[in-house]
PDB file of N, CA and C in Angstrom:
ATOM      1  N   UNK A   1     106.200  59.210 101.765  1.00  0.00           N
ATOM      2  CA  UNK A   1     106.870  59.765 102.940  1.00  0.00           C
ATOM      3  C   UNK A   1     106.288  59.212 104.203  1.00  0.00           C
ATOM      4  N   UNK A   2     104.996  59.106 104.235  1.00  0.00           N
ATOM      5  CA  UNK A   2     104.336  58.561 105.454  1.00  0.00           C
ATOM      6  C   UNK A   2     104.752  57.114 105.690  1.00  0.00           C
ATOM      7  N   UNK A   3     104.862  56.320 104.649  1.00  0.00           N
ATOM      8  CA  UNK A   3     105.306  54.938 104.767  1.00  0.00           C
ATOM      9  C   UNK A   3     106.729  54.852 105.262  1.00  0.00           C
ATOM     10  N   UNK A   4     107.591  55.769 104.750  1.00  0.00           N
ATOM     11  CA  UNK A   4     108.978  55.778 105.108  1.00  0.00           C
ATOM     12  C   UNK A   4     109.137  56.154 106.596  1.00  0.00           C
ATOM     13  N   UNK A   5     108.452  57.188 107.024  1.00  0.00           N
ATOM     14  CA  UNK A   5     108.486  57.591 108.426  1.00  0.00           C
ATOM     15  C   UNK A   5     107.957  56.460 109.301  1.00  0.00           C
ATOM     16  N   UNK A   6     106.918  55.852 108.871  1.00  0.00           N
ATOM     17  CA  UNK A   6     106.343  54.745 109.646  1.00  0.00           C
ATOM     18  C   UNK A   6     107.366  53.618 109.824  1.00  0.00           C
ATOM     19  N   UNK A   7     108.035  53.295 108.763  1.00  0.00           N
ATOM     20  CA  UNK A   7     109.035  52.229 108.803  1.00  0.00           C
ATOM     21  C   UNK A   7     110.231  52.560 109.740  1.00  0.00           C
ATOM     22  N   UNK A   8     110.727  53.766 109.639  1.00  0.00           N
ATOM     23  CA  UNK A   8     111.909  54.155 110.455  1.00  0.00           C
ATOM     24  C   UNK A   8     111.543  54.455 111.897  1.00  0.00           C
ATOM     25  N   UNK A   9     110.374  54.917 112.169  1.00  0.00           N
ATOM     26  CA  UNK A   9     109.984  55.264 113.519  1.00  0.00           C
ATOM     27  C   UNK A   9     109.207  54.180 114.248  1.00  0.00           C
ATOM     28  N   UNK A  10     108.890  53.091 113.520  1.00  0.00           N
ATOM     29  CA  UNK A  10     108.151  51.981 114.074  1.00  0.00           C
ATOM     30  C   UNK A  10     106.774  52.435 114.630  1.00  0.00           C
ATOM     31  N   UNK A  11     106.069  53.186 113.780  1.00  0.00           N
ATOM     32  CA  UNK A  11     104.762  53.720 114.112  1.00  0.00           C
ATOM     33  C   UNK A  11     103.831  53.297 112.962  1.00  0.00           C
ATOM     34  N   UNK A  12     102.585  52.917 113.253  1.00  0.00           N
ATOM     35  CA  UNK A  12     101.679  52.604 112.156  1.00  0.00           C
ATOM     36  C   UNK A  12     101.487  53.758 111.212  1.00  0.00           C
ATOM     37  N   UNK A  13     101.378  53.498 109.906  1.00  0.00           N
ATOM     38  CA  UNK A  13     101.244  54.590 108.928  1.00  0.00           C
ATOM     39  C   UNK A  13     100.107  55.569 109.200  1.00  0.00           C
ATOM     40  N   UNK A  14      98.975  55.068 109.740  1.00  0.00           N
ATOM     41  CA  UNK A  14      97.832  55.974 110.006  1.00  0.00           C
ATOM     42  C   UNK A  14      98.091  56.845 111.213  1.00  0.00           C
ATOM     43  N   UNK A  15      99.184  56.575 111.986  1.00  0.00           N
ATOM     44  CA  UNK A  15      99.502  57.434 113.130  1.00  0.00           C
ATOM     45  C   UNK A  15     100.544  58.472 112.797  1.00  0.00           C
ATOM     46  N   UNK A  16     100.991  58.525 111.564  1.00  0.00           N
ATOM     47  CA  UNK A  16     101.933  59.559 111.116  1.00  0.00           C
ATOM     48  C   UNK A  16     101.107  60.734 110.630  1.00  0.00           C
ATOM     49  N   UNK A  17     101.340  61.884 111.236  1.00  0.00           N
ATOM     50  CA  UNK A  17     100.595  63.093 110.913  1.00  0.00           C
ATOM     51  C   UNK A  17     101.486  64.091 110.167  1.00  0.00           C
ATOM     52  N   UNK A  18     100.972  64.636 109.117  1.00  0.00           N
ATOM     53  CA  UNK A  18     101.713  65.621 108.340  1.00  0.00           C
ATOM     54  C   UNK A  18     101.198  67.001 108.615  1.00  0.00           C
ATOM     55  N   UNK A  19     102.056  67.847 109.155  1.00  0.00           N
ATOM     56  CA  UNK A  19     101.701  69.249 109.425  1.00  0.00           C
ATOM     57  C   UNK A  19     102.719  70.130 108.711  1.00  0.00           C
ATOM     58  N   UNK A  20     102.456  70.386 107.434  1.00  0.00           N
ATOM     59  CA  UNK A  20     103.366  71.215 106.664  1.00  0.00           C
ATOM     60  C   UNK A  20     103.063  72.692 106.858  1.00  0.00           C
ATOM     61  N   UNK A  21     103.856  73.557 106.275  1.00  0.00           N
ATOM     62  CA  UNK A  21     103.645  74.989 106.409  1.00  0.00           C
ATOM     63  C   UNK A  21     102.307  75.371 105.806  1.00  0.00           C
ATOM     64  N   UNK A  22     101.578  76.230 106.530  1.00  0.00           N
ATOM     65  CA  UNK A  22     100.287  76.687 106.082  1.00  0.00           C
ATOM     66  C   UNK A  22     100.295  78.237 106.114  1.00  0.00           C
ATOM     67  N   UNK A  23      99.306  78.799 105.436  1.00  0.00           N
ATOM     68  CA  UNK A  23      99.265  80.282 105.308  1.00  0.00           C
ATOM     69  C   UNK A  23      98.974  80.979 106.600  1.00  0.00           C
ATOM     70  N   UNK A  24      98.202  80.342 107.516  1.00  0.00           N
ATOM     71  CA  UNK A  24      97.987  80.919 108.853  1.00  0.00           C
ATOM     72  C   UNK A  24      97.685  79.822 109.828  1.00  0.00           C
ATOM     73  N   UNK A  25      97.710  80.188 111.084  1.00  0.00           N
ATOM     74  CA  UNK A  25      97.581  79.240 112.194  1.00  0.00           C
ATOM     75  C   UNK A  25      96.206  78.549 112.196  1.00  0.00           C
ATOM     76  N   UNK A  26      95.195  79.199 111.713  1.00  0.00           N
ATOM     77  CA  UNK A  26      93.846  78.646 111.722  1.00  0.00           C
ATOM     78  C   UNK A  26      93.688  77.467 110.765  1.00  0.00           C
ATOM     79  N   UNK A  27      94.646  77.259 109.878  1.00  0.00           N
ATOM     80  CA  UNK A  27      94.602  76.127 108.966  1.00  0.00           C
ATOM     81  C   UNK A  27      95.089  74.820 109.611  1.00  0.00           C
ATOM     82  N   UNK A  28      95.782  74.907 110.725  1.00  0.00           N
ATOM     83  CA  UNK A  28      96.335  73.707 111.382  1.00  0.00           C
ATOM     84  C   UNK A  28      95.214  72.737 111.810  1.00  0.00           C
ATOM     85  N   UNK A  29      94.172  73.211 112.538  1.00  0.00           N
ATOM     86  CA  UNK A  29      93.089  72.276 112.919  1.00  0.00           C
ATOM     87  C   UNK A  29      92.402  71.666 111.675  1.00  0.00           C
ATOM     88  N   UNK A  30      92.336  72.410 110.593  1.00  0.00           N
ATOM     89  CA  UNK A  30      91.748  71.841 109.349  1.00  0.00           C
ATOM     90  C   UNK A  30      92.590  70.742 108.796  1.00  0.00           C
ATOM     91  N   UNK A  31      93.936  70.888 108.832  1.00  0.00           N
ATOM     92  CA  UNK A  31      94.791  69.818 108.412  1.00  0.00           C
ATOM     93  C   UNK A  31      94.641  68.582 109.281  1.00  0.00           C
ATOM     94  N   UNK A  32      94.543  68.804 110.597  1.00  0.00           N
ATOM     95  CA  UNK A  32      94.386  67.675 111.477  1.00  0.00           C
ATOM     96  C   UNK A  32      93.044  66.941 111.232  1.00  0.00           C
ATOM     97  N   UNK A  33      91.994  67.714 110.994  1.00  0.00           N
ATOM     98  CA  UNK A  33      90.684  67.099 110.685  1.00  0.00           C
ATOM     99  C   UNK A  33      90.693  66.318 109.387  1.00  0.00           C
ATOM    100  N   UNK A  34      91.430  66.846 108.382  1.00  0.00           N
ATOM    101  CA  UNK A  34      91.508  66.151 107.092  1.00  0.00           C
ATOM    102  C   UNK A  34      92.205  64.789 107.252  1.00  0.00           C
ATOM    103  N   UNK A  35      93.130  64.687 108.157  1.00  0.00           N
ATOM    104  CA  UNK A  35      93.833  63.443 108.375  1.00  0.00           C
ATOM    105  C   UNK A  35      93.205  62.570 109.427  1.00  0.00           C
ATOM    106  N   UNK A  36      92.043  62.978 109.924  1.00  0.00           N
ATOM    107  CA  UNK A  36      91.286  62.202 110.890  1.00  0.00           C
ATOM    108  C   UNK A  36      92.082  61.877 112.140  1.00  0.00           C
ATOM    109  N   UNK A  37      92.841  62.856 112.618  1.00  0.00           N
ATOM    110  CA  UNK A  37      93.688  62.650 113.780  1.00  0.00           C
ATOM    111  C   UNK A  37      92.852  62.364 115.032  1.00  0.00           C
ATOM    112  N   UNK A  38      91.690  62.923 115.144  1.00  0.00           N
ATOM    113  CA  UNK A  38      90.837  62.694 116.302  1.00  0.00           C
ATOM    114  C   UNK A  38      90.488  61.232 116.475  1.00  0.00           C
ATOM    115  N   UNK A  39      90.164  60.572 115.361  1.00  0.00           N
ATOM    116  CA  UNK A  39      89.849  59.140 115.392  1.00  0.00           C
ATOM    117  C   UNK A  39      91.063  58.323 115.884  1.00  0.00           C
ATOM    118  N   UNK A  40      92.222  58.660 115.368  1.00  0.00           N
ATOM    119  CA  UNK A  40      93.467  57.915 115.729  1.00  0.00           C
ATOM    120  C   UNK A  40      93.726  58.081 117.213  1.00  0.00           C
ATOM    121  N   UNK A  41      93.584  59.315 117.702  1.00  0.00           N
ATOM    122  CA  UNK A  41      93.843  59.562 119.145  1.00  0.00           C
ATOM    123  C   UNK A  41      92.850  58.804 119.998  1.00  0.00           C
ATOM    124  N   UNK A  42      91.566  58.832 119.595  1.00  0.00           N
ATOM    125  CA  UNK A  42      90.544  58.079 120.372  1.00  0.00           C
ATOM    126  C   UNK A  42      90.828  56.595 120.431  1.00  0.00           C
ATOM    127  N   UNK A  43      91.200  56.033 119.243  1.00  0.00           N
ATOM    128  CA  UNK A  43      91.493  54.623 119.210  1.00  0.00           C
ATOM    129  C   UNK A  43      92.684  54.279 120.078  1.00  0.00           C
ATOM    130  N   UNK A  44      93.738  55.098 120.071  1.00  0.00           N
ATOM    131  CA  UNK A  44      94.937  54.837 120.865  1.00  0.00           C
ATOM    132  C   UNK A  44      94.653  54.967 122.361  1.00  0.00           C
ATOM    133  N   UNK A  45      93.717  55.852 122.726  1.00  0.00           N
ATOM    134  CA  UNK A  45      93.390  56.051 124.133  1.00  0.00           C
ATOM    135  C   UNK A  45      92.249  55.141 124.606  1.00  0.00           C
ATOM    136  N   UNK A  46      91.714  54.329 123.704  1.00  0.00           N
ATOM    137  CA  UNK A  46      90.666  53.414 124.074  1.00  0.00           C
ATOM    138  C   UNK A  46      89.290  54.026 124.140  1.00  0.00           C
ATOM    139  N   UNK A  47      89.056  55.130 123.457  1.00  0.00           N
ATOM    140  CA  UNK A  47      87.736  55.761 123.441  1.00  0.00           C
ATOM    141  C   UNK A  47      86.926  55.341 122.243  1.00  0.00           C
ATOM    142  N   UNK A  48      87.376  54.427 121.454  1.00  0.00           N
ATOM    143  CA  UNK A  48      86.651  53.994 120.286  1.00  0.00           C
ATOM    144  C   UNK A  48      85.329  53.319 120.682  1.00  0.00           C
ATOM    145  N   UNK A  49      84.341  53.434 119.843  1.00  0.00           N
ATOM    146  CA  UNK A  49      83.090  52.789 120.107  1.00  0.00           C
ATOM    147  C   UNK A  49      82.110  53.662 120.907  1.00  0.00           C
ATOM    148  N   UNK A  50      82.415  54.957 121.070  1.00  0.00           N
ATOM    149  CA  UNK A  50      81.526  55.821 121.771  1.00  0.00           C
ATOM    150  C   UNK A  50      80.316  56.177 120.984  1.00  0.00           C
ATOM    151  N   UNK A  51      80.423  56.128 119.669  1.00  0.00           N
ATOM    152  CA  UNK A  51      79.327  56.556 118.801  1.00  0.00           C
ATOM    153  C   UNK A  51      79.007  55.489 117.748  1.00  0.00           C
ATOM    154  N   UNK A  52      77.863  54.780 117.923  1.00  0.00           N
ATOM    155  CA  UNK A  52      77.523  53.756 116.958  1.00  0.00           C
ATOM    156  C   UNK A  52      77.076  54.341 115.614  1.00  0.00           C
ATOM    157  N   UNK A  53      76.665  55.635 115.625  1.00  0.00           N
ATOM    158  CA  UNK A  53      76.121  56.242 114.424  1.00  0.00           C
ATOM    159  C   UNK A  53      77.196  56.544 113.363  1.00  0.00           C
ATOM    160  N   UNK A  54      78.396  56.841 113.791  1.00  0.00           N
ATOM    161  CA  UNK A  54      79.420  57.246 112.815  1.00  0.00           C
ATOM    162  C   UNK A  54      80.710  56.444 112.995  1.00  0.00           C
ATOM    163  N   UNK A  55      80.586  55.159 113.003  1.00  0.00           N
ATOM    164  CA  UNK A  55      81.793  54.306 113.143  1.00  0.00           C
ATOM    165  C   UNK A  55      82.325  54.361 114.542  1.00  0.00           C
ATOM    166  N   UNK A  56      83.653  54.203 114.691  1.00  0.00           N
ATOM    167  CA  UNK A  56      84.238  54.113 116.025  1.00  0.00           C
ATOM    168  C   UNK A  56      84.066  55.387 116.821  1.00  0.00           C
ATOM    169  N   UNK A  57      84.128  56.520 116.213  1.00  0.00           N
ATOM    170  CA  UNK A  57      83.994  57.786 116.954  1.00  0.00           C
ATOM    171  C   UNK A  57      83.210  58.778 116.158  1.00  0.00           C
ATOM    172  N   UNK A  58      82.606  59.691 116.788  1.00  0.00           N
ATOM    173  CA  UNK A  58      81.857  60.794 116.192  1.00  0.00           C
ATOM    174  C   UNK A  58      82.773  62.012 116.153  1.00  0.00           C
ATOM    175  N   UNK A  59      82.841  62.734 115.047  1.00  0.00           N
ATOM    176  CA  UNK A  59      83.776  63.845 114.916  1.00  0.00           C
ATOM    177  C   UNK A  59      83.287  65.088 115.612  1.00  0.00           C
ATOM    178  N   UNK A  60      84.199  65.754 116.334  1.00  0.00           N
ATOM    179  CA  UNK A  60      83.934  67.006 116.960  1.00  0.00           C
ATOM    180  C   UNK A  60      84.968  67.994 116.473  1.00  0.00           C
ATOM    181  N   UNK A  61      84.554  69.179 116.086  1.00  0.00           N
ATOM    182  CA  UNK A  61      85.495  70.114 115.514  1.00  0.00           C
ATOM    183  C   UNK A  61      86.464  70.643 116.557  1.00  0.00           C
ATOM    184  N   UNK A  62      87.693  70.868 116.190  1.00  0.00           N
ATOM    185  CA  UNK A  62      88.217  70.533 114.907  1.00  0.00           C
ATOM    186  C   UNK A  62      88.675  69.113 114.740  1.00  0.00           C
ATOM    187  N   UNK A  63      89.111  68.432 115.837  1.00  0.00           N
ATOM    188  CA  UNK A  63      89.682  67.142 115.580  1.00  0.00           C
ATOM    189  C   UNK A  63      89.359  66.049 116.595  1.00  0.00           C
ATOM    190  N   UNK A  64      88.794  66.365 117.721  1.00  0.00           N
ATOM    191  CA  UNK A  64      88.612  65.362 118.765  1.00  0.00           C
ATOM    192  C   UNK A  64      87.230  64.759 118.763  1.00  0.00           C
ATOM    193  N   UNK A  65      87.098  63.444 118.622  1.00  0.00           N
ATOM    194  CA  UNK A  65      85.831  62.774 118.562  1.00  0.00           C
ATOM    195  C   UNK A  65      85.264  62.575 119.992  1.00  0.00           C
ATOM    196  N   UNK A  66      83.942  62.743 120.097  1.00  0.00           N
ATOM    197  CA  UNK A  66      83.204  62.448 121.317  1.00  0.00           C
ATOM    198  C   UNK A  66      81.850  61.859 120.966  1.00  0.00           C
ATOM    199  N   UNK A  67      81.161  61.371 121.946  1.00  0.00           N
ATOM    200  CA  UNK A  67      79.832  60.793 121.708  1.00  0.00           C
ATOM    201  C   UNK A  67      78.864  61.892 121.257  1.00  0.00           C
ATOM    202  N   UNK A  68      77.819  61.538 120.464  1.00  0.00           N
ATOM    203  CA  UNK A  68      76.843  62.525 120.013  1.00  0.00           C
ATOM    204  C   UNK A  68      76.112  63.206 121.210  1.00  0.00           C
ATOM    205  N   UNK A  69      76.050  62.523 122.327  1.00  0.00           N
ATOM    206  CA  UNK A  69      75.429  63.178 123.500  1.00  0.00           C
ATOM    207  C   UNK A  69      76.216  64.399 123.929  1.00  0.00           C
ATOM    208  N   UNK A  70      77.501  64.390 123.694  1.00  0.00           N
ATOM    209  CA  UNK A  70      78.356  65.543 124.069  1.00  0.00           C
ATOM    210  C   UNK A  70      78.326  66.577 122.965  1.00  0.00           C
ATOM    211  N   UNK A  71      78.486  66.145 121.728  1.00  0.00           N
ATOM    212  CA  UNK A  71      78.506  67.063 120.586  1.00  0.00           C
ATOM    213  C   UNK A  71      77.944  66.353 119.381  1.00  0.00           C
ATOM    214  N   UNK A  72      76.818  66.871 118.852  1.00  0.00           N
ATOM    215  CA  UNK A  72      76.199  66.184 117.741  1.00  0.00           C
ATOM    216  C   UNK A  72      77.047  66.366 116.459  1.00  0.00           C
ATOM    217  N   UNK A  73      76.922  65.438 115.549  1.00  0.00           N
ATOM    218  CA  UNK A  73      77.677  65.530 114.257  1.00  0.00           C
ATOM    219  C   UNK A  73      77.379  66.818 113.513  1.00  0.00           C
ATOM    220  N   UNK A  74      76.123  67.269 113.561  1.00  0.00           N
ATOM    221  CA  UNK A  74      75.757  68.518 112.874  1.00  0.00           C
ATOM    222  C   UNK A  74      76.512  69.706 113.499  1.00  0.00           C
ATOM    223  N   UNK A  75      76.585  69.782 114.823  1.00  0.00           N
ATOM    224  CA  UNK A  75      77.288  70.879 115.468  1.00  0.00           C
ATOM    225  C   UNK A  75      78.773  70.802 115.180  1.00  0.00           C
ATOM    226  N   UNK A  76      79.347  69.602 115.137  1.00  0.00           N
ATOM    227  CA  UNK A  76      80.779  69.480 114.900  1.00  0.00           C
ATOM    228  C   UNK A  76      81.128  69.938 113.461  1.00  0.00           C
ATOM    229  N   UNK A  77      80.305  69.611 112.514  1.00  0.00           N
ATOM    230  CA  UNK A  77      80.620  70.051 111.130  1.00  0.00           C
ATOM    231  C   UNK A  77      80.425  71.557 111.001  1.00  0.00           C
ATOM    232  N   UNK A  78      79.498  72.144 111.747  1.00  0.00           N
ATOM    233  CA  UNK A  78      79.325  73.556 111.755  1.00  0.00           C
ATOM    234  C   UNK A  78      80.561  74.255 112.341  1.00  0.00           C
ATOM    235  N   UNK A  79      81.092  73.695 113.428  1.00  0.00           N
ATOM    236  CA  UNK A  79      82.248  74.298 114.060  1.00  0.00           C
ATOM    237  C   UNK A  79      83.477  74.194 113.134  1.00  0.00           C
ATOM    238  N   UNK A  80      83.612  73.090 112.435  1.00  0.00           N
ATOM    239  CA  UNK A  80      84.712  72.948 111.489  1.00  0.00           C
ATOM    240  C   UNK A  80      84.540  73.953 110.332  1.00  0.00           C
ATOM    241  N   UNK A  81      83.332  74.229 109.968  1.00  0.00           N
ATOM    242  CA  UNK A  81      83.032  75.258 108.959  1.00  0.00           C
ATOM    243  C   UNK A  81      83.431  76.634 109.459  1.00  0.00           C
ATOM    244  N   UNK A  82      83.246  76.883 110.758  1.00  0.00           N
ATOM    245  CA  UNK A  82      83.669  78.134 111.338  1.00  0.00           C
ATOM    246  C   UNK A  82      85.179  78.329 111.220  1.00  0.00           C
ATOM    247  N   UNK A  83      85.914  77.219 111.462  1.00  0.00           N
ATOM    248  CA  UNK A  83      87.356  77.300 111.299  1.00  0.00           C
ATOM    249  C   UNK A  83      87.746  77.642 109.885  1.00  0.00           C
ATOM    250  N   UNK A  84      87.030  77.082 108.896  1.00  0.00           N
ATOM    251  CA  UNK A  84      87.308  77.370 107.483  1.00  0.00           C
ATOM    252  C   UNK A  84      87.070  78.853 107.194  1.00  0.00           C
ATOM    253  N   UNK A  85      85.989  79.384 107.750  1.00  0.00           N
ATOM    254  CA  UNK A  85      85.667  80.792 107.511  1.00  0.00           C
ATOM    255  C   UNK A  85      86.751  81.692 108.106  1.00  0.00           C
ATOM    256  N   UNK A  86      87.166  81.366 109.317  1.00  0.00           N
ATOM    257  CA  UNK A  86      88.207  82.197 110.005  1.00  0.00           C
ATOM    258  C   UNK A  86      89.528  82.115 109.195  1.00  0.00           C
ATOM    259  N   UNK A  87      89.871  80.909 108.726  1.00  0.00           N
ATOM    260  CA  UNK A  87      91.085  80.762 107.952  1.00  0.00           C
ATOM    261  C   UNK A  87      91.034  81.552 106.664  1.00  0.00           C
ATOM    262  N   UNK A  88      89.887  81.520 105.963  1.00  0.00           N
ATOM    263  CA  UNK A  88      89.746  82.273 104.715  1.00  0.00           C
ATOM    264  C   UNK A  88      89.822  83.771 104.981  1.00  0.00           C
ATOM    265  N   UNK A  89      89.158  84.231 106.029  1.00  0.00           N
ATOM    266  CA  UNK A  89      89.195  85.666 106.361  1.00  0.00           C
ATOM    267  C   UNK A  89      90.617  86.133 106.662  1.00  0.00           C
ATOM    268  N   UNK A  90      91.356  85.293 107.394  1.00  0.00           N
ATOM    269  CA  UNK A  90      92.729  85.659 107.739  1.00  0.00           C
ATOM    270  C   UNK A  90      93.592  85.700 106.490  1.00  0.00           C
ATOM    271  N   UNK A  91      93.356  84.807 105.558  1.00  0.00           N
ATOM    272  CA  UNK A  91      94.148  84.843 104.305  1.00  0.00           C
ATOM    273  C   UNK A  91      93.831  86.066 103.438  1.00  0.00           C
ATOM    274  N   UNK A  92      92.626  86.575 103.551  1.00  0.00           N
ATOM    275  CA  UNK A  92      92.223  87.707 102.686  1.00  0.00           C
ATOM    276  C   UNK A  92      92.366  89.066 103.324  1.00  0.00           C
ATOM    277  N   UNK A  93      92.975  89.125 104.506  1.00  0.00           N
ATOM    278  CA  UNK A  93      93.178  90.418 105.162  1.00  0.00           C
ATOM    279  C   UNK A  93      94.084  91.292 104.288  1.00  0.00           C
ATOM    280  N   UNK A  94      93.704  92.553 104.102  1.00  0.00           N
ATOM    281  CA  UNK A  94      94.456  93.471 103.244  1.00  0.00           C
ATOM    282  C   UNK A  94      95.162  94.561 104.031  1.00  0.00           C
ATOM    283  N   UNK A  95      94.653  94.915 105.156  1.00  0.00           N
ATOM    284  CA  UNK A  95      95.282  95.979 105.930  1.00  0.00           C
ATOM    285  C   UNK A  95      96.220  95.434 106.990  1.00  0.00           C
ATOM    286  N   UNK A  96      97.311  96.121 107.152  1.00  0.00           N
ATOM    287  CA  UNK A  96      98.290  95.741 108.186  1.00  0.00           C
ATOM    288  C   UNK A  96      97.966  96.501 109.463  1.00  0.00           C
ATOM    289  N   UNK A  97      98.057  95.848 110.559  1.00  0.00           N
ATOM    290  CA  UNK A  97      97.783  96.442 111.895  1.00  0.00           C
ATOM    291  C   UNK A  97      99.030  96.350 112.744  1.00  0.00           C
ATOM    292  N   UNK A  98      99.394  97.489 113.382  1.00  0.00           N
ATOM    293  CA  UNK A  98     100.510  97.455 114.284  1.00  0.00           C
ATOM    294  C   UNK A  98     100.018  97.271 115.688  1.00  0.00           C
ATOM    295  N   UNK A  99     100.670  96.355 116.425  1.00  0.00           N
ATOM    296  CA  UNK A  99     100.281  96.098 117.788  1.00  0.00           C
ATOM    297  C   UNK A  99     101.460  96.397 118.714  1.00  0.00           C
ATOM    298  N   UNK A 100     101.192  97.179 119.732  1.00  0.00           N
ATOM    299  CA  UNK A 100     102.241  97.552 120.701  1.00  0.00           C
ATOM    300  C   UNK A 100     101.914  97.020 122.074  1.00  0.00           C
ATOM    301  N   UNK A 101     102.912  96.528 122.774  1.00  0.00           N
ATOM    302  CA  UNK A 101     102.692  96.016 124.115  1.00  0.00           C
ATOM    303  C   UNK A 101     103.490  96.912 125.053  1.00  0.00           C
ATOM    304  N   UNK A 102     102.861  97.354 126.105  1.00  0.00           N
ATOM    305  CA  UNK A 102     103.476  98.207 127.109  1.00  0.00           C
ATOM    306  C   UNK A 102     103.360  97.541 128.451  1.00  0.00           C
ATOM    307  N   UNK A 103     104.415  97.433 129.172  1.00  0.00           N
ATOM    308  CA  UNK A 103     104.395  96.779 130.476  1.00  0.00           C
ATOM    309  C   UNK A 103     105.030  97.643 131.533  1.00  0.00           C
ATOM    310  N   UNK A 104     104.473  97.628 132.698  1.00  0.00           N
ATOM    311  CA  UNK A 104     105.023  98.371 133.835  1.00  0.00           C
ATOM    312  C   UNK A 104     105.397  97.330 134.919  1.00  0.00           C
ATOM    313  N   UNK A 105     106.480  97.607 135.597  1.00  0.00           N
ATOM    314  CA  UNK A 105     106.969  96.720 136.630  1.00  0.00           C
ATOM    315  C   UNK A 105     107.288  95.329 136.101  1.00  0.00           C
ATOM    316  N   UNK A 106     107.932  95.272 134.962  1.00  0.00           N
ATOM    317  CA  UNK A 106     108.286  93.984 134.382  1.00  0.00           C
ATOM    318  C   UNK A 106     109.606  93.455 134.888  1.00  0.00           C
ATOM    319  N   UNK A 107     110.379  94.278 135.576  1.00  0.00           N
ATOM    320  CA  UNK A 107     111.631  93.844 136.125  1.00  0.00           C
ATOM    321  C   UNK A 107     112.787  93.960 135.120  1.00  0.00           C
ATOM    322  N   UNK A 108     112.533  94.416 133.956  1.00  0.00           N
ATOM    323  CA  UNK A 108     113.608  94.612 132.957  1.00  0.00           C
ATOM    324  C   UNK A 108     114.199  95.997 133.109  1.00  0.00           C
ATOM    325  N   UNK A 109     115.508  96.121 132.961  1.00  0.00           N
ATOM    326  CA  UNK A 109     116.131  97.465 133.115  1.00  0.00           C
ATOM    327  C   UNK A 109     115.775  98.403 132.005  1.00  0.00           C
TER     328      UNK A 109
END
């Protein structure tokens, strides 16, 4: 599918991002990180080469690479781990919560 989209849209295959349905919103950054979207964005914007330690870019959670001076690789992997924990907790919620919004002076009749 990625090759087909690349062919018809005239985009390099590594620039095609797949964001399929996920169980909760917190899984989206994890999908982006799995596909190394941060590296692709940095290369397209000309930010490649900021980190000699980890190839063209150093990963920062969830997806955007920066130099180790800004965010160390250890910290970025910890932050990505935090996203995984939040996603798992959200998937295992058992109680339903009702949320009500009340507004005054909203201009609605």
